[in-house]
């Protein structure tokens, strides 16, 4: 009598995938410049200055 047999060897390999989440931080400072013209400049005041009204 023949009694066949079979042995199966399974080799499992695990590849670990490591997930990293590096974090960076930055700061932005923004500046705005406004040019405000207070009426029409006259000859006694340079055009780039805001001339207050003259009191009499």
C-alpha atoms as a PDB file:
ATOM      1  CA  UNK A   1       0.000   0.000   0.000  1.00  0.00           C
ATOM      2  CA  UNK A   2       1.154   3.479  -0.834  1.00  0.00           C
ATOM      3  CA  UNK A   3       0.071   6.376   1.355  1.00  0.00           C
ATOM      4  CA  UNK A   4       1.164   9.585  -0.363  1.00  0.00           C
ATOM      5  CA  UNK A   5       1.755  12.629   1.757  1.00  0.00           C
ATOM      6  CA  UNK A   6       2.722  16.211   1.064  1.00  0.00           C
ATOM      7  CA  UNK A   7       4.307  18.851   3.257  1.00  0.00           C
ATOM      8  CA  UNK A   8       3.967  22.490   2.262  1.00  0.00           C
ATOM      9  CA  UNK A   9       6.179  25.085   3.914  1.00  0.00           C
ATOM     10  CA  UNK A  10       4.984  28.684   3.709  1.00  0.00           C
ATOM     11  CA  UNK A  11       7.458  31.435   4.519  1.00  0.00           C
ATOM     12  CA  UNK A  12       5.736  34.755   5.201  1.00  0.00           C
ATOM     13  CA  UNK A  13       7.712  37.951   5.161  1.00  0.00           C
ATOM     14  CA  UNK A  14       6.243  41.088   6.690  1.00  0.00           C
ATOM     15  CA  UNK A  15       7.471  44.432   5.442  1.00  0.00           C
ATOM     16  CA  UNK A  16       6.583  47.089   7.982  1.00  0.00           C
ATOM     17  CA  UNK A  17       5.629  50.422   6.474  1.00  0.00           C
ATOM     18  CA  UNK A  18       6.290  53.108   9.013  1.00  0.00           C
ATOM     19  CA  UNK A  19       4.341  56.302   8.433  1.00  0.00           C
ATOM     20  CA  UNK A  20       5.823  59.520   9.760  1.00  0.00           C
ATOM     21  CA  UNK A  21       4.081  62.876   9.693  1.00  0.00           C
ATOM     22  CA  UNK A  22       6.651  65.622  10.161  1.00  0.00           C
ATOM     23  CA  UNK A  23       5.141  69.037  10.781  1.00  0.00           C
ATOM     24  CA  UNK A  24       6.595  72.454  10.102  1.00  0.00           C
ATOM     25  CA  UNK A  25       5.296  75.857  11.080  1.00  0.00           C
ATOM     26  CA  UNK A  26       5.898  79.300   9.661  1.00  0.00           C
ATOM     27  CA  UNK A  27       4.817  82.852  10.427  1.00  0.00           C
ATOM     28  CA  UNK A  28       4.109  85.576   7.883  1.00  0.00           C
ATOM     29  CA  UNK A  29       3.946  89.240   8.877  1.00  0.00           C
ATOM     30  CA  UNK A  30       2.165  91.425   6.346  1.00  0.00           C
ATOM     31  CA  UNK A  31       2.252  95.199   6.248  1.00  0.00           C
ATOM     32  CA  UNK A  32       0.083  97.634   4.344  1.00  0.00           C
ATOM     33  CA  UNK A  33       0.742 101.278   3.554  1.00  0.00           C
ATOM     34  CA  UNK A  34      -2.132 103.674   2.960  1.00  0.00           C
ATOM     35  CA  UNK A  35      -1.757 107.060   1.313  1.00  0.00           C
ATOM     36  CA  UNK A  36      -4.446 109.421   2.582  1.00  0.00           C
ATOM     37  CA  UNK A  37      -4.915 112.752   0.826  1.00  0.00           C
ATOM     38  CA  UNK A  38      -6.806 115.326   2.889  1.00  0.00           C
ATOM     39  CA  UNK A  39      -8.169 117.665   0.260  1.00  0.00           C
ATOM     40  CA  UNK A  40      -6.182 119.521  -2.375  1.00  0.00           C
ATOM     41  CA  UNK A  41      -2.690 120.597  -1.247  1.00  0.00           C
ATOM     42  CA  UNK A  42      -1.819 124.299  -1.533  1.00  0.00           C
ATOM     43  CA  UNK A  43       1.548 126.030  -2.020  1.00  0.00           C
ATOM     44  CA  UNK A  44       2.281 126.331   1.719  1.00  0.00           C
ATOM     45  CA  UNK A  45       2.161 122.574   2.251  1.00  0.00           C
ATOM     46  CA  UNK A  46       4.102 119.928   0.246  1.00  0.00           C
ATOM     47  CA  UNK A  47       1.785 117.622  -1.733  1.00  0.00           C
ATOM     48  CA  UNK A  48       2.816 114.513   0.187  1.00  0.00           C
ATOM     49  CA  UNK A  49       1.648 115.831   3.583  1.00  0.00           C
ATOM     50  CA  UNK A  50      -1.872 115.988   4.945  1.00  0.00           C
ATOM     51  CA  UNK A  51      -2.624 119.667   5.480  1.00  0.00           C
ATOM     52  CA  UNK A  52      -5.060 120.438   8.295  1.00  0.00           C
ATOM     53  CA  UNK A  53      -7.460 123.321   7.673  1.00  0.00           C
ATOM     54  CA  UNK A  54      -6.100 126.715   8.697  1.00  0.00           C
ATOM     55  CA  UNK A  55      -7.941 128.551  11.456  1.00  0.00           C
ATOM     56  CA  UNK A  56      -8.403 132.323  11.099  1.00  0.00           C
END
